Amino acid sequence: MRLGIHLSIGQGLKRTMEEALDLDCNCVQIFSKNPRGWNAGKFDQGGADFVRENRKERGIDPWVVHATYLVNPCSPDEDLYSRSLSSLELEVGRAEAMGADFFVIHPGNTKGSSSQEAINRLQKSLDFLLGKFHAISFLVEGMAGRGSELGGDFLELSKIVSPFAPEKVGICLDTCHLFAAGFDIRTEEGWRSTLDKFFAHIDHQRLGLIHVNDSVYPLGAKKDRHTHLGKGEIGVEGFRAMVNRPELRNIPLILETPGEARKEGQNNLEFLRNL
């Protein structure tokens, strides 16, 4: 299986890749800039070149870049929408420069507009990015469905991605988000039912990645709070069922659990391997 961790780039991209190898990861996710601010620091071009030239040879595939948290690519506010597109353009440019396979994007918040209006704006954002960047694929992340968040159910995700080629725009699932949205993935039967519902709306080819996180909050709480695997409400048997689902065997699994990669992250990786 492809197992990895979301890692920091604070010490440079070369060090990030070295850390991934030290942790025995064969896939990785990063942010290309500060995820909680608009300003972008200087880009590590040398590190990006190193990653692009070496990571597949060293067994890290895929390399994933996640969009920062402030962007809202479906916003009805023109200023925020424009600012979000500008940030995404920079971030995807950085991702492509390091040879990333996937760029994960949260669908955004409708902010009082209708779901269809928000979907239209998100699709316009994706059209813009696809027109500029041709060597990377986009994954729209399924969300917990809290408030006016877009992408909390499979039908909505299907509407978002359906106009695009499956190899260019796919889906990233998150176990904590699924559970928070009301999908009971604590058992083998729960996973079977959830995946049957997902694939009834979305082609198998579009599932590109799963974020693996336990949930602090109970089923259907619409609250996105990650915790360590087997320590939350999903529990050990839920993750055992996930890693043994035949239709998920070739889907990369990346941890976004709290704590440091070399301590808690490594423990969570070993937890998955042991299942």
C-alpha atoms as a PDB file:
ATOM      1  CA  MET A   1       0.000   0.000   0.000  1.00  0.00           C
ATOM      2  CA  ARG A   2       0.993   3.626  -0.455  1.00  0.00           C
ATOM      3  CA  LEU A   3       1.275   5.104   3.051  1.00  0.00           C
ATOM      4  CA  GLY A   4       2.427   8.597   3.951  1.00  0.00           C
ATOM      5  CA  ILE A   5       2.211  11.611   6.239  1.00  0.00           C
ATOM      6  CA  HIS A   6       1.524  15.313   5.771  1.00  0.00           C
ATOM      7  CA  LEU A   7       4.978  16.792   6.428  1.00  0.00           C
ATOM      8  CA  SER A   8       6.339  20.267   7.095  1.00  0.00           C
ATOM      9  CA  ILE A   9       8.524  22.072   4.548  1.00  0.00           C
ATOM     10  CA  GLY A  10       9.978  24.379   7.217  1.00  0.00           C
ATOM     11  CA  GLN A  11      13.518  23.057   6.728  1.00  0.00           C
ATOM     12  CA  GLY A  12      13.320  22.976   2.936  1.00  0.00           C
ATOM     13  CA  LEU A  13      11.854  20.555   0.427  1.00  0.00           C
ATOM     14  CA  LYS A  14      14.984  18.414   0.225  1.00  0.00           C
ATOM     15  CA  ARG A  15      14.810  17.825   3.981  1.00  0.00           C
ATOM     16  CA  THR A  16      11.086  17.051   3.676  1.00  0.00           C
ATOM     17  CA  MET A  17      11.815  14.281   1.195  1.00  0.00           C
ATOM     18  CA  GLU A  18      14.648  12.939   3.345  1.00  0.00           C
ATOM     19  CA  GLU A  19      12.318  12.895   6.343  1.00  0.00           C
ATOM     20  CA  ALA A  20       9.693  10.998   4.348  1.00  0.00           C
ATOM     21  CA  LEU A  21      12.276   8.353   3.475  1.00  0.00           C
ATOM     22  CA  ASP A  22      13.484   8.185   7.090  1.00  0.00           C
ATOM     23  CA  LEU A  23       9.876   7.536   8.145  1.00  0.00           C
ATOM     24  CA  ASP A  24       9.483   4.825   5.470  1.00  0.00           C
ATOM     25  CA  CYS A  25       6.763   6.764   3.644  1.00  0.00           C
ATOM     26  CA  ASN A  26       6.125   5.991  -0.017  1.00  0.00           C
ATOM     27  CA  CYS A  27       3.826   8.991  -0.523  1.00  0.00           C
ATOM     28  CA  VAL A  28       3.788  12.501   0.976  1.00  0.00           C
ATOM     29  CA  GLN A  29       1.560  15.553   1.343  1.00  0.00           C
ATOM     30  CA  ILE A  30       2.718  19.124   2.038  1.00  0.00           C
ATOM     31  CA  PHE A  31       1.588  22.748   1.915  1.00  0.00           C
ATOM     32  CA  SER A  32       3.576  24.879  -0.519  1.00  0.00           C
ATOM     33  CA  LYS A  33       3.312  27.941   1.760  1.00  0.00           C
ATOM     34  CA  ASN A  34       1.939  29.000   5.149  1.00  0.00           C
ATOM     35  CA  PRO A  35      -1.543  27.398   5.192  1.00  0.00           C
ATOM     36  CA  ARG A  36      -3.076  30.051   7.455  1.00  0.00           C
ATOM     37  CA  GLY A  37      -1.882  33.234   5.766  1.00  0.00           C
ATOM     38  CA  TRP A  38      -2.151  34.944   2.400  1.00  0.00           C
ATOM     39  CA  ASN A  39       1.478  35.976   2.117  1.00  0.00           C
ATOM     40  CA  ALA A  40       3.871  33.570   0.447  1.00  0.00           C
ATOM     41  CA  GLY A  41       7.508  33.403   1.488  1.00  0.00           C
ATOM     42  CA  LYS A  42      10.380  32.816  -0.874  1.00  0.00           C
ATOM     43  CA  PHE A  43       9.994  29.654  -2.920  1.00  0.00           C
ATOM     44  CA  ASP A  44      12.570  26.892  -2.394  1.00  0.00           C
ATOM     45  CA  GLN A  45      13.379  26.389  -6.079  1.00  0.00           C
ATOM     46  CA  GLY A  46      16.462  24.279  -5.376  1.00  0.00           C
ATOM     47  CA  GLY A  47      14.467  21.978  -3.128  1.00  0.00           C
ATOM     48  CA  ALA A  48      11.678  21.773  -5.701  1.00  0.00           C
ATOM     49  CA  ASP A  49      14.195  20.740  -8.367  1.00  0.00           C
ATOM     50  CA  PHE A  50      15.596  18.086  -6.037  1.00  0.00           C
ATOM     51  CA  VAL A  51      12.141  16.647  -5.319  1.00  0.00           C
ATOM     52  CA  ARG A  52      11.138  16.656  -8.980  1.00  0.00           C
ATOM     53  CA  GLU A  53      14.334  14.895 -10.057  1.00  0.00           C
ATOM     54  CA  ASN A  54      14.639  12.327  -7.266  1.00  0.00           C
ATOM     55  CA  ARG A  55      11.441  11.432  -5.447  1.00  0.00           C
ATOM     56  CA  LYS A  56      10.008   8.818  -7.856  1.00  0.00           C
ATOM     57  CA  GLU A  57      13.370   7.082  -8.177  1.00  0.00           C
ATOM     58  CA  ARG A  58      13.459   6.922  -4.372  1.00  0.00           C
ATOM     59  CA  GLY A  59       9.966   5.473  -4.179  1.00  0.00           C
ATOM     60  CA  ILE A  60       7.799   8.443  -3.172  1.00  0.00           C
ATOM     61  CA  ASP A  61       4.732   8.404  -5.397  1.00  0.00           C
ATOM     62  CA  PRO A  62       2.450  10.299  -5.259  1.00  0.00           C
ATOM     63  CA  TRP A  63       3.733  13.661  -4.072  1.00  0.00           C
ATOM     64  CA  VAL A  64       0.697  15.699  -3.013  1.00  0.00           C
ATOM     65  CA  VAL A  65       0.319  19.428  -2.348  1.00  0.00           C
ATOM     66  CA  HIS A  66      -2.670  20.661  -0.326  1.00  0.00           C
ATOM     67  CA  ALA A  67      -4.264  24.089  -0.853  1.00  0.00           C
ATOM     68  CA  THR A  68      -4.018  26.581   1.991  1.00  0.00           C
ATOM     69  CA  TYR A  69      -6.989  27.038   4.316  1.00  0.00           C
ATOM     70  CA  LEU A  70      -7.964  30.638   3.550  1.00  0.00           C
ATOM     71  CA  VAL A  71      -8.865  30.140  -0.100  1.00  0.00           C
ATOM     72  CA  ASN A  72     -12.552  29.895  -1.012  1.00  0.00           C
ATOM     73  CA  PRO A  73     -12.830  29.010  -4.709  1.00  0.00           C
ATOM     74  CA  CYS A  74     -16.640  29.092  -4.666  1.00  0.00           C
ATOM     75  CA  SER A  75     -17.073  32.392  -2.793  1.00  0.00           C
ATOM     76  CA  PRO A  76     -19.811  34.810  -3.957  1.00  0.00           C
ATOM     77  CA  ASP A  77     -17.643  37.662  -2.643  1.00  0.00           C
ATOM     78  CA  GLU A  78     -15.734  38.875  -5.697  1.00  0.00           C
ATOM     79  CA  ASP A  79     -12.755  40.155  -3.700  1.00  0.00           C
ATOM     80  CA  LEU A  80     -12.316  36.878  -1.825  1.00  0.00           C
ATOM     81  CA  TYR A  81     -12.922  34.878  -4.993  1.00  0.00           C
ATOM     82  CA  SER A  82     -10.244  36.846  -6.860  1.00  0.00           C
ATOM     83  CA  ARG A  83      -7.803  36.616  -3.973  1.00  0.00           C
ATOM     84  CA  SER A  84      -8.421  32.884  -3.714  1.00  0.00           C
ATOM     85  CA  LEU A  85      -7.718  32.347  -7.409  1.00  0.00           C
ATOM     86  CA  SER A  86      -4.497  34.345  -7.171  1.00  0.00           C
ATOM     87  CA  SER A  87      -3.331  32.284  -4.211  1.00  0.00           C
ATOM     88  CA  LEU A  88      -4.279  29.024  -5.896  1.00  0.00           C
ATOM     89  CA  GLU A  89      -2.449  30.039  -9.050  1.00  0.00           C
ATOM     90  CA  LEU A  90       0.722  30.596  -7.012  1.00  0.00           C
ATOM     91  CA  GLU A  91       0.296  27.382  -5.015  1.00  0.00           C
ATOM     92  CA  VAL A  92      -0.399  25.166  -8.025  1.00  0.00           C
ATOM     93  CA  GLY A  93       2.539  26.760  -9.828  1.00  0.00           C
ATOM     94  CA  ARG A  94       4.772  25.746  -6.929  1.00  0.00           C
ATOM     95  CA  ALA A  95       3.265  22.256  -6.887  1.00  0.00           C
ATOM     96  CA  GLU A  96       3.908  21.790 -10.588  1.00  0.00           C
ATOM     97  CA  ALA A  97       7.459  23.121 -10.202  1.00  0.00           C
ATOM     98  CA  MET A  98       8.249  20.304  -7.743  1.00  0.00           C
ATOM     99  CA  GLY A  99       6.621  17.693  -9.992  1.00  0.00           C
ATOM    100  CA  ALA A 100       3.641  17.013  -7.734  1.00  0.00           C
ATOM    101  CA  ASP A 101       1.060  14.500  -8.923  1.00  0.00           C
ATOM    102  CA  PHE A 102      -1.970  15.896  -7.095  1.00  0.00           C
ATOM    103  CA  PHE A 103      -3.179  19.230  -5.778  1.00  0.00           C
ATOM    104  CA  VAL A 104      -5.900  18.826  -3.135  1.00  0.00           C
ATOM    105  CA  ILE A 105      -8.453  21.622  -2.851  1.00  0.00           C
ATOM    106  CA  HIS A 106     -11.313  22.121  -0.400  1.00  0.00           C
ATOM    107  CA  PRO A 107     -14.466  22.979  -2.366  1.00  0.00           C
ATOM    108  CA  GLY A 108     -15.170  26.035  -0.208  1.00  0.00           C
ATOM    109  CA  ASN A 109     -18.047  27.729   1.567  1.00  0.00           C
ATOM    110  CA  THR A 110     -21.215  28.858  -0.199  1.00  0.00           C
ATOM    111  CA  LYS A 111     -21.509  31.936   2.075  1.00  0.00           C
ATOM    112  CA  GLY A 112     -25.245  32.335   1.496  1.00  0.00           C
ATOM    113  CA  SER A 113     -25.343  31.471  -2.195  1.00  0.00           C
ATOM    114  CA  SER A 114     -27.084  28.353  -3.472  1.00  0.00           C
ATOM    115  CA  SER A 115     -25.227  25.075  -3.773  1.00  0.00           C
ATOM    116  CA  GLN A 116     -25.498  25.185  -7.576  1.00  0.00           C
ATOM    117  CA  GLU A 117     -24.184  28.763  -7.742  1.00  0.00           C
ATOM    118  CA  ALA A 118     -21.234  27.739  -5.572  1.00  0.00           C
ATOM    119  CA  ILE A 119     -20.571  24.663  -7.709  1.00  0.00           C
ATOM    120  CA  ASN A 120     -20.574  26.849 -10.822  1.00  0.00           C
ATOM    121  CA  ARG A 121     -17.960  29.170  -9.299  1.00  0.00           C
ATOM    122  CA  LEU A 122     -15.806  26.256  -8.144  1.00  0.00           C
ATOM    123  CA  GLN A 123     -15.942  24.750 -11.629  1.00  0.00           C
ATOM    124  CA  LYS A 124     -14.937  28.135 -13.058  1.00  0.00           C
ATOM    125  CA  SER A 125     -11.961  28.136 -10.666  1.00  0.00           C
ATOM    126  CA  LEU A 126     -10.951  24.647 -11.764  1.00  0.00           C
ATOM    127  CA  ASP A 127     -11.306  25.642 -15.436  1.00  0.00           C
ATOM    128  CA  PHE A 128      -8.968  28.573 -14.797  1.00  0.00           C
ATOM    129  CA  LEU A 129      -6.349  26.366 -13.129  1.00  0.00           C
ATOM    130  CA  LEU A 130      -6.619  23.586 -15.711  1.00  0.00           C
ATOM    131  CA  GLY A 131      -6.063  26.170 -18.427  1.00  0.00           C
ATOM    132  CA  LYS A 132      -2.764  27.224 -16.844  1.00  0.00           C
ATOM    133  CA  PHE A 133      -1.352  23.972 -15.463  1.00  0.00           C
ATOM    134  CA  HIS A 134      -1.242  20.783 -17.481  1.00  0.00           C
ATOM    135  CA  ALA A 135       1.144  18.459 -15.622  1.00  0.00           C
ATOM    136  CA  ILE A 136      -0.835  18.062 -12.396  1.00  0.00           C
ATOM    137  CA  SER A 137      -4.226  16.636 -11.423  1.00  0.00           C
ATOM    138  CA  PHE A 138      -6.688  18.187  -8.995  1.00  0.00           C
ATOM    139  CA  LEU A 139      -8.500  16.371  -6.180  1.00  0.00           C
ATOM    140  CA  VAL A 140     -11.604  17.964  -4.645  1.00  0.00           C
ATOM    141  CA  GLU A 141     -11.818  16.947  -1.000  1.00  0.00           C
ATOM    142  CA  GLY A 142     -15.025  15.628   0.513  1.00  0.00           C
ATOM    143  CA  MET A 143     -15.960  17.645   3.601  1.00  0.00           C
ATOM    144  CA  ALA A 144     -17.744  17.178   6.926  1.00  0.00           C
ATOM    145  CA  GLY A 145     -20.819  19.152   5.807  1.00  0.00           C
ATOM    146  CA  ARG A 146     -20.760  21.743   8.577  1.00  0.00           C
ATOM    147  CA  GLY A 147     -22.651  24.988   8.072  1.00  0.00           C
ATOM    148  CA  SER A 148     -22.583  26.184   4.463  1.00  0.00           C
ATOM    149  CA  GLU A 149     -19.575  24.054   3.540  1.00  0.00           C
ATOM    150  CA  LEU A 150     -19.686  22.634   0.013  1.00  0.00           C
ATOM    151  CA  GLY A 151     -18.879  18.983  -0.693  1.00  0.00           C
ATOM    152  CA  GLY A 152     -20.396  17.209   2.298  1.00  0.00           C
ATOM    153  CA  ASP A 153     -22.263  14.579   0.278  1.00  0.00           C
ATOM    154  CA  PHE A 154     -21.420  12.370  -2.679  1.00  0.00           C
ATOM    155  CA  LEU A 155     -24.051  13.781  -5.040  1.00  0.00           C
ATOM    156  CA  GLU A 156     -22.623  17.280  -4.577  1.00  0.00           C
ATOM    157  CA  LEU A 157     -19.076  16.002  -5.182  1.00  0.00           C
ATOM    158  CA  SER A 158     -20.283  14.221  -8.309  1.00  0.00           C
ATOM    159  CA  LYS A 159     -21.812  17.431  -9.663  1.00  0.00           C
ATOM    160  CA  ILE A 160     -18.552  19.291  -9.038  1.00  0.00           C
ATOM    161  CA  VAL A 161     -16.243  16.877 -10.874  1.00  0.00           C
ATOM    162  CA  SER A 162     -18.514  15.487 -13.592  1.00  0.00           C
ATOM    163  CA  PRO A 163     -17.688  18.081 -16.322  1.00  0.00           C
ATOM    164  CA  PHE A 164     -13.971  17.293 -16.118  1.00  0.00           C
ATOM    165  CA  ALA A 165     -11.894  14.370 -17.359  1.00  0.00           C
ATOM    166  CA  PRO A 166     -11.379  11.811 -14.541  1.00  0.00           C
ATOM    167  CA  GLU A 167      -7.610  11.938 -14.948  1.00  0.00           C
ATOM    168  CA  LYS A 168      -7.600  15.719 -14.415  1.00  0.00           C
ATOM    169  CA  VAL A 169     -10.153  16.240 -11.613  1.00  0.00           C
ATOM    170  CA  GLY A 170     -10.854  13.571  -9.025  1.00  0.00           C
ATOM    171  CA  ILE A 171     -11.813  13.152  -5.376  1.00  0.00           C
ATOM    172  CA  CYS A 172      -9.913  12.991  -2.103  1.00  0.00           C
ATOM    173  CA  LEU A 173     -11.832  11.390   0.768  1.00  0.00           C
ATOM    174  CA  ASP A 174     -11.071  11.986   4.441  1.00  0.00           C
ATOM    175  CA  THR A 175     -12.085   9.402   7.046  1.00  0.00           C
ATOM    176  CA  CYS A 176     -12.803  12.019   9.720  1.00  0.00           C
ATOM    177  CA  HIS A 177     -14.892  14.066   7.260  1.00  0.00           C
ATOM    178  CA  LEU A 178     -16.834  10.981   6.162  1.00  0.00           C
ATOM    179  CA  PHE A 179     -17.627  10.066   9.753  1.00  0.00           C
ATOM    180  CA  ALA A 180     -18.561  13.647  10.666  1.00  0.00           C
ATOM    181  CA  ALA A 181     -20.862  13.809   7.637  1.00  0.00           C
ATOM    182  CA  GLY A 182     -22.772  10.754   8.871  1.00  0.00           C
ATOM    183  CA  PHE A 183     -21.130   7.809   7.100  1.00  0.00           C
ATOM    184  CA  ASP A 184     -20.637   5.045   9.662  1.00  0.00           C
ATOM    185  CA  ILE A 185     -17.245   3.596   8.760  1.00  0.00           C
ATOM    186  CA  ARG A 186     -16.616   1.830  12.080  1.00  0.00           C
ATOM    187  CA  THR A 187     -17.167  -1.663  10.641  1.00  0.00           C
ATOM    188  CA  GLU A 188     -16.556  -3.702   7.504  1.00  0.00           C
ATOM    189  CA  GLU A 189     -20.249  -3.446   6.628  1.00  0.00           C
ATOM    190  CA  GLY A 190     -20.150   0.312   7.183  1.00  0.00           C
ATOM    191  CA  TRP A 191     -17.248   0.689   4.767  1.00  0.00           C
ATOM    192  CA  ARG A 192     -18.955  -1.530   2.194  1.00  0.00           C
ATOM    193  CA  SER A 193     -22.131   0.539   2.376  1.00  0.00           C
ATOM    194  CA  THR A 194     -20.256   3.851   2.251  1.00  0.00           C
ATOM    195  CA  LEU A 195     -18.161   2.858  -0.762  1.00  0.00           C
ATOM    196  CA  ASP A 196     -21.220   1.465  -2.559  1.00  0.00           C
ATOM    197  CA  LYS A 197     -22.887   4.865  -2.139  1.00  0.00           C
ATOM    198  CA  PHE A 198     -19.751   6.731  -3.216  1.00  0.00           C
ATOM    199  CA  PHE A 199     -19.176   4.667  -6.361  1.00  0.00           C
ATOM    200  CA  ALA A 200     -22.868   4.874  -7.257  1.00  0.00           C
ATOM    201  CA  HIS A 201     -22.272   8.579  -7.889  1.00  0.00           C
ATOM    202  CA  ILE A 202     -18.571   8.789  -8.753  1.00  0.00           C
ATOM    203  CA  ASP A 203     -16.428   6.730 -11.115  1.00  0.00           C
ATOM    204  CA  HIS A 204     -13.777   4.496  -9.493  1.00  0.00           C
ATOM    205  CA  GLN A 205     -11.067   6.246 -11.499  1.00  0.00           C
ATOM    206  CA  ARG A 206     -11.728   9.542  -9.740  1.00  0.00           C
ATOM    207  CA  LEU A 207     -10.788   8.378  -6.227  1.00  0.00           C
ATOM    208  CA  GLY A 208      -7.161   9.455  -6.027  1.00  0.00           C
ATOM    209  CA  LEU A 209      -6.355   9.727  -2.318  1.00  0.00           C
ATOM    210  CA  ILE A 210      -7.668   9.153   1.209  1.00  0.00           C
ATOM    211  CA  HIS A 211      -6.732  11.287   4.212  1.00  0.00           C
ATOM    212  CA  VAL A 212      -6.641   8.938   7.206  1.00  0.00           C
ATOM    213  CA  ASN A 213      -7.670  10.470  10.524  1.00  0.00           C
ATOM    214  CA  ASP A 214      -9.702   9.311  13.508  1.00  0.00           C
ATOM    215  CA  SER A 215     -12.456  11.621  14.784  1.00  0.00           C
ATOM    216  CA  VAL A 216     -12.719  13.377  18.143  1.00  0.00           C
ATOM    217  CA  TYR A 217     -16.463  13.878  17.655  1.00  0.00           C
ATOM    218  CA  PRO A 218     -19.229  11.259  17.260  1.00  0.00           C
ATOM    219  CA  LEU A 219     -20.908  10.060  14.093  1.00  0.00           C
ATOM    220  CA  GLY A 220     -22.742  12.778  12.151  1.00  0.00           C
ATOM    221  CA  ALA A 221     -21.536  15.641  14.359  1.00  0.00           C
ATOM    222  CA  LYS A 222     -20.538  17.767  11.323  1.00  0.00           C
ATOM    223  CA  LYS A 223     -17.365  18.692  13.239  1.00  0.00           C
ATOM    224  CA  ASP A 224     -13.915  18.193  11.729  1.00  0.00           C
ATOM    225  CA  ARG A 225     -11.430  17.420  14.516  1.00  0.00           C
ATOM    226  CA  HIS A 226      -8.717  14.857  13.813  1.00  0.00           C
ATOM    227  CA  THR A 227      -7.131  12.538  16.351  1.00  0.00           C
ATOM    228  CA  HIS A 228      -4.804   9.536  16.369  1.00  0.00           C
ATOM    229  CA  LEU A 229      -5.902   6.318  14.694  1.00  0.00           C
ATOM    230  CA  GLY A 230      -7.795   3.986  17.010  1.00  0.00           C
ATOM    231  CA  LYS A 231      -8.021   6.671  19.712  1.00  0.00           C
ATOM    232  CA  GLY A 232     -11.194   8.365  18.480  1.00  0.00           C
ATOM    233  CA  GLU A 233     -14.782   7.580  17.575  1.00  0.00           C
ATOM    234  CA  ILE A 234     -13.992   5.588  14.418  1.00  0.00           C
ATOM    235  CA  GLY A 235     -11.774   3.171  16.319  1.00  0.00           C
ATOM    236  CA  VAL A 236      -9.475   0.275  15.489  1.00  0.00           C
ATOM    237  CA  GLU A 237     -11.978  -1.893  13.618  1.00  0.00           C
ATOM    238  CA  GLY A 238     -12.953   0.937  11.298  1.00  0.00           C
ATOM    239  CA  PHE A 239      -9.379   1.355  10.098  1.00  0.00           C
ATOM    240  CA  ARG A 240      -8.822  -2.395   9.935  1.00  0.00           C
ATOM    241  CA  ALA A 241     -11.822  -2.618   7.612  1.00  0.00           C
ATOM    242  CA  MET A 242     -10.542   0.284   5.500  1.00  0.00           C
ATOM    243  CA  VAL A 243      -7.039  -1.062   4.828  1.00  0.00           C
ATOM    244  CA  ASN A 244      -8.485  -4.464   3.910  1.00  0.00           C
ATOM    245  CA  ARG A 245     -11.128  -3.226   1.428  1.00  0.00           C
ATOM    246  CA  PRO A 246     -10.038  -4.637  -1.979  1.00  0.00           C
ATOM    247  CA  GLU A 247     -11.247  -1.551  -3.884  1.00  0.00           C
ATOM    248  CA  LEU A 248      -8.951   0.639  -1.761  1.00  0.00           C
ATOM    249  CA  ARG A 249      -5.758  -1.419  -2.038  1.00  0.00           C
ATOM    250  CA  ASN A 250      -4.220   0.889  -4.658  1.00  0.00           C
ATOM    251  CA  ILE A 251      -5.424   4.187  -3.171  1.00  0.00           C
ATOM    252  CA  PRO A 252      -2.681   6.213  -1.396  1.00  0.00           C
ATOM    253  CA  LEU A 253      -3.370   6.798   2.307  1.00  0.00           C
ATOM    254  CA  ILE A 254      -1.948   9.939   3.909  1.00  0.00           C
ATOM    255  CA  LEU A 255      -2.118  10.783   7.604  1.00  0.00           C
ATOM    256  CA  GLU A 256      -3.151  14.234   8.831  1.00  0.00           C
ATOM    257  CA  THR A 257      -3.131  13.278  12.501  1.00  0.00           C
ATOM    258  CA  PRO A 258      -1.931  15.770  15.151  1.00  0.00           C
ATOM    259  CA  GLY A 259       1.543  15.838  16.671  1.00  0.00           C
ATOM    260  CA  GLU A 260       5.034  15.468  15.238  1.00  0.00           C
ATOM    261  CA  ALA A 261       5.777  13.204  12.293  1.00  0.00           C
ATOM    262  CA  ARG A 262       8.693  11.501  14.046  1.00  0.00           C
ATOM    263  CA  LYS A 263       6.634  10.621  17.104  1.00  0.00           C
ATOM    264  CA  GLU A 264       2.864  10.455  16.690  1.00  0.00           C
ATOM    265  CA  GLY A 265       3.003  10.289  12.887  1.00  0.00           C
ATOM    266  CA  GLN A 266       5.324   7.297  12.874  1.00  0.00           C
ATOM    267  CA  ASN A 267       3.161   5.572  15.504  1.00  0.00           C
ATOM    268  CA  ASN A 268       0.067   6.071  13.353  1.00  0.00           C
ATOM    269  CA  LEU A 269       1.887   4.656  10.308  1.00  0.00           C
ATOM    270  CA  GLU A 270       2.856   1.563  12.254  1.00  0.00           C
ATOM    271  CA  PHE A 271      -0.738   1.259  13.462  1.00  0.00           C
ATOM    272  CA  LEU A 272      -1.939   1.117   9.829  1.00  0.00           C
ATOM    273  CA  ARG A 273       0.748  -1.345   8.753  1.00  0.00           C
ATOM    274  CA  ASN A 274      -0.132  -3.672  11.607  1.00  0.00           C
ATOM    275  CA  LEU A 275      -3.758  -3.777  10.450  1.00  0.00           C
END
